[in-house]
Amino acid sequence: MTYDTAVSPAMVPRKEVPLFLYVALFFLLVCINALVAKFVVFSFGLAPGASTIYLVVALMVVFTLWFGMYGAVAAYLGCFIGAGILGGISPEVSLYWSLADFWEVLIPLVAFRYFAADPALKSWRDLGVLLVFGILINNLAGAAWGSLALAAGGLIPWTGIVPVFFIWAAGNILICLILIPAILSLFTPAVQDHELFVRRYWE
């Protein structure tokens, strides 16, 4: 008599990853986010700290789906430094304004974990979760928070909230729609095999 000895990858214990590797990964993500954010804000300025083509938002969502809360916190700090401080926003305003980028990555992370969606986008259901929570809702929330925060901080007039919101949201949605599905489907399988891939929020 023979038995099927195949074991699901989810049942295989993962090798414990040294904390310093996650710390190094975290600082690498912060640097990437900050540098790209500074570049696009400088090149495609819309308002203080904001741009019409915010390419880094797609990277931040991808990094967060791969590396959990390390990616989410790195998105916040990258925005705080690159688009905020280096983009001409005072530290006081940037503290709450940078939460726009945090919401833009936290929403898809929570949705993927809650619905047990695969970031490799192996099914139409996975793609649907991404479209709703990783491209549409998250960017609408981020644009709303960001434009309101800029007005509250005195960086744009209150009458500028609506145009900034629509340009911010439209630009982010377009960039995410073009880049995120392609990056996730192409590279996630390889990243999932790496020990630093985060399956839940922190591990």
N, C-alpha and C. Protein backbone atom coordinates (compact mmCIF):
# COMPACT_ATOMS: atom_id res chain seq x y z
N MET A 1 0.87 -1.20 0.00
CA MET A 1 0.00 0.00 0.00
C MET A 1 0.89 1.24 0.00
N THR A 2 0.54 2.24 -0.80
CA THR A 2 1.32 3.47 -0.85
C THR A 2 0.49 4.63 -0.33
N TYR A 3 1.18 5.61 0.15
CA TYR A 3 0.51 6.78 0.70
C TYR A 3 1.04 8.03 0.02
N ASP A 4 0.17 8.99 -0.12
CA ASP A 4 0.58 10.26 -0.71
C ASP A 4 1.29 11.06 0.37
N THR A 5 2.56 11.31 0.19
CA THR A 5 3.34 12.01 1.22
C THR A 5 3.53 13.48 0.92
N ALA A 6 2.81 13.99 -0.10
CA ALA A 6 2.95 15.40 -0.43
C ALA A 6 2.46 16.27 0.71
N VAL A 7 3.18 17.32 0.98
CA VAL A 7 2.84 18.23 2.06
C VAL A 7 2.62 19.62 1.50
N SER A 8 1.55 20.26 1.91
CA SER A 8 1.28 21.62 1.46
C SER A 8 2.37 22.55 1.95
N PRO A 9 2.80 23.54 1.10
CA PRO A 9 3.81 24.49 1.53
C PRO A 9 3.41 25.26 2.78
N ALA A 10 2.10 25.47 2.97
CA ALA A 10 1.64 26.20 4.15
C ALA A 10 1.87 25.41 5.42
N MET A 11 2.02 24.05 5.30
CA MET A 11 2.20 23.20 6.48
C MET A 11 3.68 23.05 6.85
N VAL A 12 4.57 23.48 5.96
CA VAL A 12 5.99 23.34 6.22
C VAL A 12 6.46 24.45 7.13
N PRO A 13 7.07 24.12 8.28
CA PRO A 13 7.54 25.18 9.19
C PRO A 13 8.58 26.06 8.49
N ARG A 14 8.47 27.36 8.70
CA ARG A 14 9.42 28.28 8.09
C ARG A 14 10.64 28.44 8.99
N LYS A 15 11.78 28.59 8.34
CA LYS A 15 12.99 28.83 9.10
C LYS A 15 12.90 30.19 9.77
N GLU A 16 13.30 30.26 11.02
CA GLU A 16 13.23 31.52 11.75
C GLU A 16 14.19 32.53 11.13
N VAL A 17 13.67 33.72 10.83
CA VAL A 17 14.46 34.75 10.18
C VAL A 17 15.04 35.69 11.23
N PRO A 18 16.34 35.93 11.22
CA PRO A 18 16.94 36.86 12.19
C PRO A 18 16.32 38.25 12.06
N LEU A 19 16.11 38.90 13.19
CA LEU A 19 15.46 40.21 13.20
C LEU A 19 16.23 41.23 12.38
N PHE A 20 17.56 41.14 12.39
CA PHE A 20 18.33 42.16 11.68
C PHE A 20 18.06 42.15 10.18
N LEU A 21 17.64 41.01 9.64
CA LEU A 21 17.31 40.96 8.21
C LEU A 21 16.04 41.75 7.92
N TYR A 22 15.06 41.66 8.82
CA TYR A 22 13.85 42.46 8.65
C TYR A 22 14.15 43.95 8.84
N VAL A 23 15.04 44.25 9.77
CA VAL A 23 15.42 45.66 9.99
C VAL A 23 16.10 46.21 8.74
N ALA A 24 17.02 45.42 8.17
CA ALA A 24 17.70 45.85 6.95
C ALA A 24 16.71 46.02 5.80
N LEU A 25 15.78 45.07 5.67
CA LEU A 25 14.75 45.17 4.64
C LEU A 25 13.92 46.43 4.83
N PHE A 26 13.53 46.70 6.07
CA PHE A 26 12.71 47.86 6.38
C PHE A 26 13.40 49.16 5.95
N PHE A 27 14.66 49.31 6.30
CA PHE A 27 15.38 50.54 5.95
C PHE A 27 15.60 50.64 4.44
N LEU A 28 15.77 49.51 3.77
CA LEU A 28 15.89 49.52 2.32
C LEU A 28 14.59 50.02 1.69
N LEU A 29 13.45 49.54 2.18
CA LEU A 29 12.16 49.96 1.64
C LEU A 29 11.91 51.45 1.90
N VAL A 30 12.30 51.92 3.09
CA VAL A 30 12.15 53.35 3.39
C VAL A 30 12.95 54.18 2.40
N CYS A 31 14.19 53.78 2.15
CA CYS A 31 15.06 54.52 1.22
C CYS A 31 14.49 54.53 -0.19
N ILE A 32 14.02 53.38 -0.66
CA ILE A 32 13.45 53.31 -2.01
C ILE A 32 12.23 54.21 -2.11
N ASN A 33 11.33 54.09 -1.14
CA ASN A 33 10.10 54.90 -1.16
C ASN A 33 10.41 56.39 -1.10
N ALA A 34 11.34 56.78 -0.23
CA ALA A 34 11.66 58.19 -0.06
C ALA A 34 12.29 58.77 -1.32
N LEU A 35 13.22 58.04 -1.92
CA LEU A 35 13.91 58.54 -3.11
C LEU A 35 12.97 58.66 -4.30
N VAL A 36 12.15 57.64 -4.52
CA VAL A 36 11.22 57.69 -5.65
C VAL A 36 10.15 58.76 -5.41
N ALA A 37 9.67 58.88 -4.17
CA ALA A 37 8.67 59.90 -3.84
C ALA A 37 9.23 61.30 -4.10
N LYS A 38 10.47 61.54 -3.66
CA LYS A 38 11.09 62.85 -3.89
C LYS A 38 11.22 63.12 -5.37
N PHE A 39 11.62 62.13 -6.15
CA PHE A 39 11.80 62.32 -7.59
C PHE A 39 10.49 62.68 -8.28
N VAL A 40 9.42 61.94 -7.99
CA VAL A 40 8.16 62.20 -8.71
C VAL A 40 7.52 63.51 -8.25
N VAL A 41 7.66 63.85 -6.98
CA VAL A 41 7.09 65.12 -6.50
C VAL A 41 7.84 66.29 -7.14
N PHE A 42 9.14 66.14 -7.28
CA PHE A 42 9.95 67.19 -7.92
C PHE A 42 9.65 67.27 -9.41
N SER A 43 9.43 66.13 -10.05
CA SER A 43 9.27 66.10 -11.51
C SER A 43 7.84 66.36 -11.98
N PHE A 44 6.85 65.93 -11.19
CA PHE A 44 5.45 66.03 -11.62
C PHE A 44 4.60 66.68 -10.54
N GLY A 45 5.03 67.83 -10.06
CA GLY A 45 4.38 68.48 -8.93
C GLY A 45 2.92 68.85 -9.18
N LEU A 46 2.09 68.56 -8.20
CA LEU A 46 0.67 68.92 -8.22
C LEU A 46 0.38 69.94 -7.13
N ALA A 47 0.86 69.67 -5.93
CA ALA A 47 0.71 70.52 -4.75
C ALA A 47 1.91 70.18 -3.87
N PRO A 48 2.13 70.93 -2.80
CA PRO A 48 3.26 70.59 -1.93
C PRO A 48 3.23 69.12 -1.51
N GLY A 49 4.28 68.37 -1.84
CA GLY A 49 4.37 66.96 -1.47
C GLY A 49 3.58 66.02 -2.35
N ALA A 50 2.81 66.52 -3.28
CA ALA A 50 1.95 65.66 -4.12
C ALA A 50 2.34 65.82 -5.58
N SER A 51 2.07 64.77 -6.38
CA SER A 51 2.40 64.81 -7.79
C SER A 51 1.25 64.23 -8.62
N THR A 52 1.23 64.59 -9.89
CA THR A 52 0.19 64.08 -10.78
C THR A 52 0.45 62.61 -11.13
N ILE A 53 1.73 62.23 -11.17
CA ILE A 53 2.11 60.85 -11.48
C ILE A 53 2.94 60.33 -10.32
N TYR A 54 2.30 59.71 -9.36
CA TYR A 54 2.97 59.26 -8.13
C TYR A 54 3.34 57.79 -8.28
N LEU A 55 4.40 57.55 -9.06
CA LEU A 55 4.79 56.17 -9.38
C LEU A 55 5.02 55.31 -8.16
N VAL A 56 5.51 55.91 -7.09
CA VAL A 56 5.91 55.12 -5.92
C VAL A 56 4.73 54.44 -5.25
N VAL A 57 3.51 54.91 -5.47
CA VAL A 57 2.36 54.29 -4.81
C VAL A 57 2.22 52.82 -5.22
N ALA A 58 2.51 52.51 -6.48
CA ALA A 58 2.42 51.12 -6.93
C ALA A 58 3.46 50.26 -6.23
N LEU A 59 4.68 50.78 -6.09
CA LEU A 59 5.74 50.05 -5.40
C LEU A 59 5.38 49.83 -3.94
N MET A 60 4.81 50.85 -3.30
CA MET A 60 4.48 50.74 -1.89
C MET A 60 3.42 49.67 -1.64
N VAL A 61 2.42 49.61 -2.51
CA VAL A 61 1.38 48.58 -2.37
C VAL A 61 1.99 47.19 -2.55
N VAL A 62 2.82 47.04 -3.57
CA VAL A 62 3.46 45.75 -3.82
C VAL A 62 4.34 45.34 -2.64
N PHE A 63 5.18 46.26 -2.16
CA PHE A 63 6.07 45.95 -1.04
C PHE A 63 5.27 45.53 0.19
N THR A 64 4.13 46.19 0.41
CA THR A 64 3.32 45.88 1.59
C THR A 64 2.65 44.52 1.46
N LEU A 65 2.20 44.16 0.28
CA LEU A 65 1.60 42.84 0.09
C LEU A 65 2.65 41.74 0.21
N TRP A 66 3.90 42.06 -0.08
CA TRP A 66 4.99 41.09 0.06
C TRP A 66 5.55 41.03 1.48
N PHE A 67 5.67 42.19 2.12
CA PHE A 67 6.40 42.26 3.38
C PHE A 67 5.55 42.77 4.55
N GLY A 68 4.24 42.76 4.40
CA GLY A 68 3.34 43.07 5.50
C GLY A 68 3.55 44.46 6.09
N MET A 69 3.49 44.54 7.41
CA MET A 69 3.56 45.83 8.09
C MET A 69 4.92 46.49 7.95
N TYR A 70 5.95 45.72 7.65
CA TYR A 70 7.25 46.35 7.36
C TYR A 70 7.11 47.26 6.14
N GLY A 71 6.40 46.80 5.14
CA GLY A 71 6.17 47.61 3.95
C GLY A 71 5.25 48.78 4.23
N ALA A 72 4.24 48.57 5.08
CA ALA A 72 3.28 49.63 5.37
C ALA A 72 3.93 50.78 6.14
N VAL A 73 4.70 50.45 7.18
CA VAL A 73 5.37 51.50 7.96
C VAL A 73 6.44 52.18 7.10
N ALA A 74 7.12 51.41 6.26
CA ALA A 74 8.11 51.99 5.36
C ALA A 74 7.46 52.96 4.38
N ALA A 75 6.24 52.67 3.96
CA ALA A 75 5.52 53.57 3.06
C ALA A 75 5.25 54.90 3.76
N TYR A 76 4.84 54.83 5.02
CA TYR A 76 4.59 56.06 5.79
C TYR A 76 5.86 56.88 5.94
N LEU A 77 6.95 56.25 6.37
CA LEU A 77 8.21 56.98 6.58
C LEU A 77 8.80 57.47 5.27
N GLY A 78 8.67 56.66 4.21
CA GLY A 78 9.16 57.10 2.91
C GLY A 78 8.44 58.34 2.43
N CYS A 79 7.13 58.38 2.64
CA CYS A 79 6.35 59.56 2.29
C CYS A 79 6.73 60.73 3.18
N PHE A 80 6.85 60.48 4.48
CA PHE A 80 7.20 61.54 5.44
C PHE A 80 8.51 62.21 5.05
N ILE A 81 9.49 61.41 4.65
CA ILE A 81 10.82 61.95 4.31
C ILE A 81 10.85 62.48 2.88
N GLY A 82 10.49 61.63 1.92
CA GLY A 82 10.67 61.97 0.51
C GLY A 82 9.69 62.99 -0.03
N ALA A 83 8.39 62.71 0.15
CA ALA A 83 7.37 63.63 -0.36
C ALA A 83 7.07 64.74 0.64
N GLY A 84 7.26 64.46 1.93
CA GLY A 84 6.95 65.45 2.96
C GLY A 84 8.08 66.43 3.21
N ILE A 85 9.07 66.00 4.00
CA ILE A 85 10.16 66.90 4.39
C ILE A 85 10.91 67.42 3.16
N LEU A 86 11.33 66.51 2.27
CA LEU A 86 12.07 66.92 1.07
C LEU A 86 11.17 67.58 0.04
N GLY A 87 9.86 67.42 0.20
CA GLY A 87 8.91 68.03 -0.73
C GLY A 87 8.41 69.38 -0.28
N GLY A 88 8.95 69.90 0.84
CA GLY A 88 8.59 71.24 1.28
C GLY A 88 7.50 71.32 2.31
N ILE A 89 7.14 70.20 2.94
CA ILE A 89 6.11 70.19 3.97
C ILE A 89 6.78 70.15 5.34
N SER A 90 6.28 70.94 6.27
CA SER A 90 6.88 70.98 7.61
C SER A 90 6.69 69.63 8.30
N PRO A 91 7.60 69.28 9.21
CA PRO A 91 7.46 68.00 9.93
C PRO A 91 6.12 67.88 10.66
N GLU A 92 5.62 68.99 11.19
CA GLU A 92 4.37 68.94 11.95
C GLU A 92 3.20 68.52 11.06
N VAL A 93 3.13 69.08 9.87
CA VAL A 93 2.05 68.73 8.94
C VAL A 93 2.30 67.35 8.35
N SER A 94 3.56 67.06 8.04
CA SER A 94 3.88 65.79 7.40
C SER A 94 3.54 64.60 8.28
N LEU A 95 3.56 64.80 9.60
CA LEU A 95 3.24 63.70 10.53
C LEU A 95 1.86 63.11 10.25
N TYR A 96 0.87 63.99 10.00
CA TYR A 96 -0.48 63.46 9.74
C TYR A 96 -0.78 63.38 8.24
N TRP A 97 -0.17 64.25 7.45
CA TRP A 97 -0.39 64.20 6.00
C TRP A 97 0.12 62.89 5.40
N SER A 98 1.26 62.39 5.90
CA SER A 98 1.85 61.16 5.35
C SER A 98 1.01 59.93 5.61
N LEU A 99 0.03 60.03 6.48
CA LEU A 99 -0.87 58.92 6.69
C LEU A 99 -1.65 58.57 5.42
N ALA A 100 -1.71 59.50 4.47
CA ALA A 100 -2.38 59.22 3.20
C ALA A 100 -1.75 57.99 2.54
N ASP A 101 -0.41 57.96 2.50
CA ASP A 101 0.27 56.81 1.90
C ASP A 101 0.10 55.56 2.75
N PHE A 102 0.00 55.74 4.06
CA PHE A 102 -0.19 54.60 4.95
C PHE A 102 -1.54 53.94 4.68
N TRP A 103 -2.59 54.74 4.54
CA TRP A 103 -3.92 54.17 4.25
C TRP A 103 -3.92 53.49 2.88
N GLU A 104 -3.18 54.05 1.93
CA GLU A 104 -3.17 53.49 0.57
C GLU A 104 -2.55 52.10 0.51
N VAL A 105 -1.71 51.77 1.48
CA VAL A 105 -1.13 50.42 1.48
C VAL A 105 -1.74 49.51 2.55
N LEU A 106 -2.21 50.12 3.65
CA LEU A 106 -2.80 49.31 4.72
C LEU A 106 -4.11 48.68 4.28
N ILE A 107 -4.93 49.42 3.55
CA ILE A 107 -6.24 48.90 3.11
C ILE A 107 -6.09 47.63 2.27
N PRO A 108 -5.24 47.62 1.24
CA PRO A 108 -5.09 46.36 0.50
C PRO A 108 -4.46 45.25 1.32
N LEU A 109 -3.55 45.58 2.23
CA LEU A 109 -2.94 44.55 3.07
C LEU A 109 -3.99 43.85 3.92
N VAL A 110 -4.83 44.62 4.59
CA VAL A 110 -5.88 44.05 5.44
C VAL A 110 -6.86 43.25 4.60
N ALA A 111 -7.21 43.75 3.42
CA ALA A 111 -8.16 43.04 2.55
C ALA A 111 -7.59 41.71 2.09
N PHE A 112 -6.33 41.69 1.67
CA PHE A 112 -5.72 40.44 1.21
C PHE A 112 -5.63 39.43 2.34
N ARG A 113 -5.32 39.88 3.55
CA ARG A 113 -5.24 38.95 4.67
C ARG A 113 -6.64 38.47 5.08
N TYR A 114 -7.60 39.38 5.11
CA TYR A 114 -8.95 39.02 5.54
C TYR A 114 -9.60 38.04 4.57
N PHE A 115 -9.46 38.28 3.27
CA PHE A 115 -10.08 37.42 2.26
C PHE A 115 -9.18 36.27 1.82
N ALA A 116 -8.01 36.15 2.47
CA ALA A 116 -7.05 35.09 2.14
C ALA A 116 -6.74 35.08 0.64
N ALA A 117 -6.57 36.28 0.08
CA ALA A 117 -6.24 36.40 -1.34
C ALA A 117 -4.75 36.19 -1.55
N ASP A 118 -4.41 35.68 -2.71
CA ASP A 118 -3.02 35.40 -3.05
C ASP A 118 -2.45 36.58 -3.85
N PRO A 119 -1.38 37.24 -3.35
CA PRO A 119 -0.80 38.36 -4.10
C PRO A 119 -0.20 37.97 -5.44
N ALA A 120 -0.04 36.67 -5.68
CA ALA A 120 0.41 36.22 -7.01
C ALA A 120 -0.72 36.30 -8.03
N LEU A 121 -1.94 36.64 -7.56
CA LEU A 121 -3.10 36.81 -8.44
C LEU A 121 -3.37 35.56 -9.27
N LYS A 122 -3.53 34.44 -8.59
CA LYS A 122 -3.73 33.17 -9.29
C LYS A 122 -5.18 32.93 -9.69
N SER A 123 -6.09 33.77 -9.22
CA SER A 123 -7.50 33.58 -9.56
C SER A 123 -8.15 34.93 -9.84
N TRP A 124 -9.34 34.87 -10.44
CA TRP A 124 -10.09 36.10 -10.68
C TRP A 124 -10.51 36.74 -9.37
N ARG A 125 -10.72 35.90 -8.35
CA ARG A 125 -11.08 36.44 -7.04
C ARG A 125 -9.94 37.27 -6.47
N ASP A 126 -8.71 36.78 -6.58
CA ASP A 126 -7.55 37.54 -6.12
C ASP A 126 -7.46 38.88 -6.85
N LEU A 127 -7.67 38.83 -8.16
CA LEU A 127 -7.60 40.06 -8.94
C LEU A 127 -8.72 41.02 -8.53
N GLY A 128 -9.88 40.48 -8.22
CA GLY A 128 -10.99 41.33 -7.78
C GLY A 128 -10.69 42.03 -6.48
N VAL A 129 -10.09 41.31 -5.52
CA VAL A 129 -9.71 41.93 -4.25
C VAL A 129 -8.72 43.05 -4.50
N LEU A 130 -7.76 42.80 -5.39
CA LEU A 130 -6.78 43.84 -5.70
C LEU A 130 -7.45 45.07 -6.32
N LEU A 131 -8.33 44.86 -7.30
CA LEU A 131 -8.96 45.97 -7.99
C LEU A 131 -9.79 46.84 -7.04
N VAL A 132 -10.53 46.17 -6.16
CA VAL A 132 -11.42 46.91 -5.26
C VAL A 132 -10.65 47.60 -4.14
N PHE A 133 -9.76 46.84 -3.48
CA PHE A 133 -9.11 47.36 -2.27
C PHE A 133 -7.68 47.86 -2.50
N GLY A 134 -7.02 47.40 -3.57
CA GLY A 134 -5.64 47.79 -3.80
C GLY A 134 -5.46 48.80 -4.90
N ILE A 135 -6.54 49.16 -5.58
CA ILE A 135 -6.45 50.14 -6.66
C ILE A 135 -7.50 51.23 -6.51
N LEU A 136 -8.73 50.86 -6.15
CA LEU A 136 -9.83 51.84 -6.10
C LEU A 136 -10.01 52.46 -4.70
N ILE A 137 -10.47 51.66 -3.74
CA ILE A 137 -10.83 52.20 -2.43
C ILE A 137 -9.62 52.83 -1.74
N ASN A 138 -8.49 52.17 -1.77
CA ASN A 138 -7.32 52.69 -1.06
C ASN A 138 -6.86 54.04 -1.61
N ASN A 139 -6.89 54.19 -2.93
CA ASN A 139 -6.44 55.45 -3.52
C ASN A 139 -7.46 56.57 -3.34
N LEU A 140 -8.73 56.24 -3.32
CA LEU A 140 -9.74 57.26 -3.00
C LEU A 140 -9.58 57.73 -1.56
N ALA A 141 -9.32 56.79 -0.65
CA ALA A 141 -9.12 57.15 0.76
C ALA A 141 -7.86 57.99 0.92
N GLY A 142 -6.78 57.59 0.26
CA GLY A 142 -5.54 58.34 0.38
C GLY A 142 -5.65 59.74 -0.19
N ALA A 143 -6.32 59.87 -1.33
CA ALA A 143 -6.48 61.19 -1.95
C ALA A 143 -7.35 62.10 -1.09
N ALA A 144 -8.40 61.53 -0.49
CA ALA A 144 -9.27 62.31 0.39
C ALA A 144 -8.50 62.80 1.61
N TRP A 145 -7.78 61.87 2.25
CA TRP A 145 -7.00 62.25 3.44
C TRP A 145 -5.93 63.28 3.07
N GLY A 146 -5.20 63.01 2.00
CA GLY A 146 -4.10 63.88 1.63
C GLY A 146 -4.53 65.28 1.27
N SER A 147 -5.58 65.42 0.49
CA SER A 147 -6.04 66.75 0.09
C SER A 147 -6.60 67.53 1.28
N LEU A 148 -7.33 66.84 2.15
CA LEU A 148 -7.84 67.50 3.35
C LEU A 148 -6.71 67.91 4.28
N ALA A 149 -5.69 67.06 4.42
CA ALA A 149 -4.56 67.37 5.29
C ALA A 149 -3.76 68.55 4.75
N LEU A 150 -3.61 68.64 3.43
CA LEU A 150 -2.90 69.78 2.85
C LEU A 150 -3.65 71.09 3.13
N ALA A 151 -4.97 71.03 3.03
CA ALA A 151 -5.76 72.23 3.32
C ALA A 151 -5.70 72.58 4.79
N ALA A 152 -5.81 71.56 5.67
CA ALA A 152 -5.74 71.81 7.11
C ALA A 152 -4.38 72.36 7.51
N GLY A 153 -3.34 71.96 6.80
CA GLY A 153 -2.01 72.47 7.10
C GLY A 153 -1.70 73.80 6.45
N GLY A 154 -2.66 74.37 5.71
CA GLY A 154 -2.47 75.67 5.10
C GLY A 154 -1.63 75.64 3.83
N LEU A 155 -1.45 74.46 3.23
CA LEU A 155 -0.59 74.34 2.06
C LEU A 155 -1.35 74.51 0.75
N ILE A 156 -2.65 74.29 0.79
CA ILE A 156 -3.52 74.61 -0.34
C ILE A 156 -4.77 75.27 0.22
N PRO A 157 -5.47 76.10 -0.56
CA PRO A 157 -6.73 76.68 -0.07
C PRO A 157 -7.80 75.61 0.05
N TRP A 158 -8.78 75.86 0.88
CA TRP A 158 -9.86 74.88 1.04
C TRP A 158 -10.60 74.65 -0.27
N THR A 159 -10.61 75.67 -1.14
CA THR A 159 -11.26 75.51 -2.44
C THR A 159 -10.44 74.60 -3.36
N GLY A 160 -9.19 74.30 -2.99
CA GLY A 160 -8.35 73.45 -3.81
C GLY A 160 -8.48 71.97 -3.50
N ILE A 161 -9.28 71.63 -2.48
CA ILE A 161 -9.41 70.23 -2.07
C ILE A 161 -9.95 69.36 -3.20
N VAL A 162 -11.02 69.80 -3.85
CA VAL A 162 -11.66 68.97 -4.87
C VAL A 162 -10.75 68.70 -6.07
N PRO A 163 -10.14 69.73 -6.66
CA PRO A 163 -9.26 69.42 -7.81
C PRO A 163 -8.05 68.57 -7.41
N VAL A 164 -7.45 68.84 -6.26
CA VAL A 164 -6.31 68.03 -5.81
C VAL A 164 -6.75 66.59 -5.59
N PHE A 165 -7.93 66.41 -4.96
CA PHE A 165 -8.45 65.07 -4.72
C PHE A 165 -8.62 64.29 -6.03
N PHE A 166 -9.26 64.90 -7.01
CA PHE A 166 -9.55 64.18 -8.25
C PHE A 166 -8.27 63.87 -9.04
N ILE A 167 -7.35 64.83 -9.10
CA ILE A 167 -6.10 64.58 -9.83
C ILE A 167 -5.27 63.52 -9.11
N TRP A 168 -5.18 63.63 -7.79
CA TRP A 168 -4.44 62.67 -6.98
C TRP A 168 -5.01 61.26 -7.17
N ALA A 169 -6.33 61.14 -6.99
CA ALA A 169 -6.97 59.83 -7.09
C ALA A 169 -6.85 59.25 -8.49
N ALA A 170 -7.11 60.05 -9.51
CA ALA A 170 -7.06 59.56 -10.88
C ALA A 170 -5.65 59.10 -11.25
N GLY A 171 -4.65 59.89 -10.89
CA GLY A 171 -3.27 59.53 -11.20
C GLY A 171 -2.84 58.24 -10.52
N ASN A 172 -3.16 58.12 -9.23
CA ASN A 172 -2.80 56.92 -8.48
C ASN A 172 -3.50 55.67 -9.00
N ILE A 173 -4.79 55.80 -9.28
CA ILE A 173 -5.55 54.65 -9.78
C ILE A 173 -4.99 54.18 -11.11
N LEU A 174 -4.66 55.12 -11.99
CA LEU A 174 -4.11 54.75 -13.29
C LEU A 174 -2.76 54.05 -13.15
N ILE A 175 -1.87 54.62 -12.34
CA ILE A 175 -0.55 54.02 -12.14
C ILE A 175 -0.68 52.62 -11.54
N CYS A 176 -1.53 52.49 -10.52
CA CYS A 176 -1.71 51.19 -9.86
C CYS A 176 -2.31 50.17 -10.82
N LEU A 177 -3.25 50.59 -11.63
CA LEU A 177 -3.91 49.68 -12.57
C LEU A 177 -2.91 49.16 -13.61
N ILE A 178 -2.00 50.01 -14.02
CA ILE A 178 -1.02 49.62 -15.04
C ILE A 178 0.08 48.73 -14.45
N LEU A 179 0.60 49.11 -13.27
CA LEU A 179 1.81 48.47 -12.76
C LEU A 179 1.58 47.30 -11.80
N ILE A 180 0.66 47.45 -10.86
CA ILE A 180 0.57 46.47 -9.77
C ILE A 180 0.22 45.06 -10.26
N PRO A 181 -0.83 44.88 -11.08
CA PRO A 181 -1.13 43.49 -11.51
C PRO A 181 0.04 42.83 -12.22
N ALA A 182 0.74 43.58 -13.05
CA ALA A 182 1.87 43.00 -13.78
C ALA A 182 3.00 42.62 -12.83
N ILE A 183 3.36 43.50 -11.89
CA ILE A 183 4.45 43.22 -10.96
C ILE A 183 4.11 42.03 -10.07
N LEU A 184 2.90 42.01 -9.53
CA LEU A 184 2.51 40.93 -8.62
C LEU A 184 2.49 39.58 -9.34
N SER A 185 1.88 39.53 -10.51
CA SER A 185 1.76 38.24 -11.20
C SER A 185 3.12 37.72 -11.67
N LEU A 186 4.03 38.62 -12.03
CA LEU A 186 5.32 38.20 -12.55
C LEU A 186 6.32 37.82 -11.45
N PHE A 187 6.34 38.58 -10.37
CA PHE A 187 7.42 38.44 -9.40
C PHE A 187 7.02 37.83 -8.06
N THR A 188 5.73 37.82 -7.73
CA THR A 188 5.32 37.29 -6.43
C THR A 188 5.70 35.83 -6.21
N PRO A 189 5.54 34.93 -7.20
CA PRO A 189 5.93 33.53 -6.95
C PRO A 189 7.37 33.38 -6.47
N ALA A 190 8.28 34.16 -7.04
CA ALA A 190 9.68 34.09 -6.60
C ALA A 190 9.85 34.67 -5.21
N VAL A 191 9.16 35.78 -4.92
CA VAL A 191 9.27 36.42 -3.61
C VAL A 191 8.68 35.52 -2.53
N GLN A 192 7.59 34.82 -2.84
CA GLN A 192 6.95 33.95 -1.86
C GLN A 192 7.87 32.81 -1.41
N ASP A 193 8.82 32.44 -2.24
CA ASP A 193 9.77 31.39 -1.87
C ASP A 193 10.89 31.90 -0.97
N HIS A 194 10.98 33.22 -0.83
CA HIS A 194 12.05 33.81 -0.01
C HIS A 194 11.63 33.83 1.45
N GLU A 195 12.59 33.67 2.33
CA GLU A 195 12.29 33.60 3.77
C GLU A 195 11.77 34.92 4.32
N LEU A 196 12.01 36.04 3.64
CA LEU A 196 11.55 37.33 4.15
C LEU A 196 10.10 37.63 3.77
N PHE A 197 9.50 36.82 2.92
CA PHE A 197 8.09 37.03 2.56
C PHE A 197 7.22 36.90 3.80
N VAL A 198 6.35 37.88 4.01
CA VAL A 198 5.49 37.92 5.20
C VAL A 198 4.10 37.44 4.84
N ARG A 199 3.66 36.37 5.47
CA ARG A 199 2.37 35.76 5.13
C ARG A 199 1.20 36.36 5.89
N ARG A 200 1.48 36.96 7.04
CA ARG A 200 0.41 37.57 7.82
C ARG A 200 0.64 39.10 7.87
N TYR A 201 1.00 39.62 9.03
CA TYR A 201 1.28 41.04 9.13
C TYR A 201 2.74 41.33 9.45
N TRP A 202 3.31 40.54 10.38
CA TRP A 202 4.70 40.75 10.78
C TRP A 202 5.59 39.54 10.52
N GLU A 203 5.00 38.42 10.13
CA GLU A 203 5.80 37.20 9.93
C GLU A 203 5.15 36.30 8.88
